[in-house]
């Protein structure tokens, strides 16, 4: 099977394979994929030092809470 060439990446994690792929991605967002996008975006910004220490703590706790509920723990 031939690998598709990546056109770009969202948050340096989520691959886009062509110009129209972003539109497809946006139209297909549901609750679960929306949460994944938000977590990816926040993680991306955090890794680049965008937030203060207090903001990082709130974001970190929020992500852990969402993931815990998602995992059923």
N, C-alpha and C. Protein backbone atom coordinates (compact mmCIF):
# COMPACT_ATOMS: atom_id res chain seq x y z
N UNK A 1 0.85 -1.19 0.00
CA UNK A 1 0.00 0.00 0.00
C UNK A 1 0.89 1.25 0.00
N UNK A 2 0.57 2.18 -0.85
CA UNK A 2 1.36 3.40 -0.98
C UNK A 2 0.92 4.42 0.08
N UNK A 3 1.91 5.02 0.76
CA UNK A 3 1.61 6.05 1.77
C UNK A 3 1.28 7.36 1.08
N UNK A 4 0.26 8.05 1.63
CA UNK A 4 -0.09 9.38 1.11
C UNK A 4 0.92 10.40 1.62
N UNK A 5 1.24 11.34 0.76
CA UNK A 5 2.11 12.44 1.17
C UNK A 5 1.30 13.40 2.03
N UNK A 6 1.89 13.85 3.12
CA UNK A 6 1.22 14.77 4.03
C UNK A 6 1.33 16.19 3.50
N UNK A 7 0.20 16.86 3.39
CA UNK A 7 0.12 18.24 2.91
C UNK A 7 0.49 19.23 4.02
N UNK A 8 0.12 18.89 5.24
CA UNK A 8 0.40 19.72 6.41
C UNK A 8 -0.07 19.03 7.67
N UNK A 9 0.14 19.66 8.81
CA UNK A 9 -0.29 19.08 10.07
C UNK A 9 -0.94 20.16 10.93
N UNK A 10 -1.99 19.78 11.63
CA UNK A 10 -2.61 20.64 12.62
C UNK A 10 -1.96 20.35 13.96
N UNK A 11 -1.51 21.37 14.63
CA UNK A 11 -0.90 21.25 15.96
C UNK A 11 0.28 20.27 15.96
N UNK A 12 0.96 20.17 14.83
CA UNK A 12 2.11 19.28 14.62
C UNK A 12 1.79 17.82 14.95
N UNK A 13 0.51 17.45 14.87
CA UNK A 13 0.10 16.10 15.23
C UNK A 13 -0.88 15.48 14.25
N UNK A 14 -1.86 16.25 13.81
CA UNK A 14 -2.96 15.73 13.02
C UNK A 14 -2.68 15.99 11.54
N UNK A 15 -2.48 14.92 10.76
CA UNK A 15 -2.09 15.10 9.36
C UNK A 15 -3.24 15.58 8.48
N UNK A 16 -2.88 16.43 7.52
CA UNK A 16 -3.79 16.84 6.45
C UNK A 16 -3.17 16.36 5.15
N UNK A 17 -3.97 15.75 4.30
CA UNK A 17 -3.43 15.13 3.09
C UNK A 17 -3.62 15.96 1.83
N UNK A 18 -4.50 16.98 1.90
CA UNK A 18 -4.67 17.89 0.77
C UNK A 18 -5.45 19.11 1.25
N UNK A 19 -5.67 20.07 0.36
CA UNK A 19 -6.35 21.31 0.75
C UNK A 19 -7.77 21.06 1.23
N UNK A 20 -8.46 20.12 0.64
CA UNK A 20 -9.84 19.84 1.00
C UNK A 20 -10.01 19.01 2.27
N UNK A 21 -8.92 18.42 2.73
CA UNK A 21 -9.00 17.55 3.90
C UNK A 21 -9.46 18.32 5.15
N UNK A 22 -9.04 19.57 5.29
CA UNK A 22 -9.47 20.37 6.43
C UNK A 22 -10.98 20.56 6.42
N UNK A 23 -11.56 20.82 5.26
CA UNK A 23 -13.02 20.96 5.17
C UNK A 23 -13.72 19.67 5.57
N UNK A 24 -13.21 18.54 5.11
CA UNK A 24 -13.79 17.25 5.48
C UNK A 24 -13.69 17.04 6.99
N UNK A 25 -12.55 17.37 7.53
CA UNK A 25 -12.33 17.23 8.98
C UNK A 25 -13.32 18.09 9.76
N UNK A 26 -13.50 19.34 9.35
CA UNK A 26 -14.41 20.25 10.03
C UNK A 26 -15.86 19.78 9.95
N UNK A 27 -16.25 19.25 8.82
CA UNK A 27 -17.62 18.80 8.64
C UNK A 27 -17.92 17.51 9.39
N UNK A 28 -16.89 16.75 9.71
CA UNK A 28 -17.10 15.47 10.37
C UNK A 28 -16.85 15.51 11.88
N UNK A 29 -16.60 16.69 12.44
CA UNK A 29 -16.36 16.79 13.87
C UNK A 29 -17.58 16.34 14.67
N UNK A 30 -17.33 15.50 15.66
CA UNK A 30 -18.36 15.10 16.60
C UNK A 30 -17.84 15.38 18.01
N UNK A 31 -18.55 14.99 19.02
CA UNK A 31 -18.15 15.29 20.40
C UNK A 31 -16.76 14.74 20.71
N UNK A 32 -16.52 13.50 20.37
CA UNK A 32 -15.24 12.86 20.69
C UNK A 32 -14.08 13.48 19.91
N UNK A 33 -14.25 13.69 18.61
CA UNK A 33 -13.16 14.26 17.82
C UNK A 33 -12.93 15.73 18.17
N UNK A 34 -13.98 16.44 18.58
CA UNK A 34 -13.83 17.82 19.02
C UNK A 34 -12.98 17.90 20.28
N UNK A 35 -13.23 17.01 21.22
CA UNK A 35 -12.42 16.96 22.45
C UNK A 35 -10.97 16.66 22.11
N UNK A 36 -10.75 15.72 21.18
CA UNK A 36 -9.38 15.39 20.78
C UNK A 36 -8.68 16.60 20.16
N UNK A 37 -9.41 17.35 19.33
CA UNK A 37 -8.84 18.55 18.70
C UNK A 37 -8.48 19.60 19.75
N UNK A 38 -9.38 19.82 20.70
CA UNK A 38 -9.12 20.81 21.76
C UNK A 38 -7.92 20.40 22.61
N UNK A 39 -7.84 19.14 22.96
CA UNK A 39 -6.70 18.66 23.75
C UNK A 39 -5.41 18.81 22.96
N UNK A 40 -5.45 18.49 21.68
CA UNK A 40 -4.26 18.65 20.82
C UNK A 40 -3.84 20.12 20.73
N UNK A 41 -4.80 21.01 20.58
CA UNK A 41 -4.50 22.44 20.46
C UNK A 41 -3.90 22.99 21.76
N UNK A 42 -4.48 22.62 22.87
CA UNK A 42 -3.98 23.10 24.17
C UNK A 42 -2.59 22.52 24.44
N UNK A 43 -2.40 21.25 24.15
CA UNK A 43 -1.09 20.63 24.35
C UNK A 43 -0.04 21.30 23.48
N UNK A 44 -0.39 21.59 22.25
CA UNK A 44 0.50 22.27 21.31
C UNK A 44 0.91 23.64 21.85
N UNK A 45 -0.07 24.41 22.32
CA UNK A 45 0.22 25.74 22.86
C UNK A 45 1.04 25.64 24.15
N UNK A 46 0.71 24.69 25.00
CA UNK A 46 1.44 24.50 26.25
C UNK A 46 2.92 24.20 25.98
N UNK A 47 3.18 23.34 25.04
CA UNK A 47 4.55 22.95 24.72
C UNK A 47 5.37 24.13 24.20
N UNK A 48 4.72 25.16 23.74
CA UNK A 48 5.40 26.35 23.23
C UNK A 48 5.43 27.50 24.23
N UNK A 49 5.00 27.23 25.47
CA UNK A 49 5.09 28.23 26.52
C UNK A 49 4.11 29.38 26.38
N UNK A 50 2.95 29.12 25.80
CA UNK A 50 1.97 30.17 25.55
C UNK A 50 1.26 30.59 26.84
N UNK A 51 1.12 29.68 27.79
CA UNK A 51 0.33 29.92 29.00
C UNK A 51 1.20 30.20 30.22
N UNK A 52 0.62 30.90 31.21
CA UNK A 52 1.29 31.11 32.50
C UNK A 52 1.25 29.81 33.30
N UNK A 53 1.98 29.76 34.38
CA UNK A 53 2.02 28.56 35.22
C UNK A 53 0.63 28.23 35.76
N UNK A 54 -0.11 29.23 36.23
CA UNK A 54 -1.47 29.01 36.74
C UNK A 54 -2.39 28.50 35.63
N UNK A 55 -2.28 29.08 34.44
CA UNK A 55 -3.11 28.65 33.32
C UNK A 55 -2.79 27.20 32.94
N UNK A 56 -1.51 26.85 32.98
CA UNK A 56 -1.10 25.48 32.68
C UNK A 56 -1.73 24.50 33.67
N UNK A 57 -1.76 24.87 34.94
CA UNK A 57 -2.34 24.00 35.95
C UNK A 57 -3.83 23.77 35.70
N UNK A 58 -4.56 24.83 35.40
CA UNK A 58 -6.00 24.71 35.11
C UNK A 58 -6.22 23.85 33.87
N UNK A 59 -5.46 24.09 32.84
CA UNK A 59 -5.59 23.33 31.60
C UNK A 59 -5.24 21.86 31.82
N UNK A 60 -4.16 21.62 32.53
CA UNK A 60 -3.73 20.25 32.81
C UNK A 60 -4.81 19.48 33.57
N UNK A 61 -5.36 20.08 34.60
CA UNK A 61 -6.42 19.44 35.39
C UNK A 61 -7.65 19.20 34.53
N UNK A 62 -8.00 20.16 33.69
CA UNK A 62 -9.16 20.02 32.82
C UNK A 62 -8.99 18.87 31.84
N UNK A 63 -7.82 18.76 31.25
CA UNK A 63 -7.55 17.67 30.31
C UNK A 63 -7.61 16.32 31.03
N UNK A 64 -7.01 16.24 32.20
CA UNK A 64 -7.06 14.98 32.96
C UNK A 64 -8.49 14.60 33.31
N UNK A 65 -9.31 15.58 33.66
CA UNK A 65 -10.71 15.32 33.99
C UNK A 65 -11.48 14.79 32.78
N UNK A 66 -11.29 15.42 31.64
CA UNK A 66 -11.95 14.97 30.40
C UNK A 66 -11.49 13.56 30.03
N UNK A 67 -10.18 13.34 30.09
CA UNK A 67 -9.66 12.03 29.70
C UNK A 67 -10.10 10.94 30.67
N UNK A 68 -10.19 11.27 31.94
CA UNK A 68 -10.64 10.30 32.93
C UNK A 68 -12.07 9.89 32.63
N UNK A 69 -12.93 10.85 32.30
CA UNK A 69 -14.32 10.55 31.96
C UNK A 69 -14.39 9.73 30.69
N UNK A 70 -13.53 10.06 29.71
CA UNK A 70 -13.50 9.34 28.44
C UNK A 70 -13.09 7.90 28.64
N UNK A 71 -12.13 7.67 29.52
CA UNK A 71 -11.62 6.33 29.78
C UNK A 71 -12.52 5.55 30.74
N UNK A 72 -13.50 6.24 31.34
CA UNK A 72 -14.42 5.58 32.24
C UNK A 72 -13.89 5.33 33.63
N UNK A 73 -12.88 6.09 34.04
CA UNK A 73 -12.29 5.94 35.38
C UNK A 73 -12.89 6.91 36.36
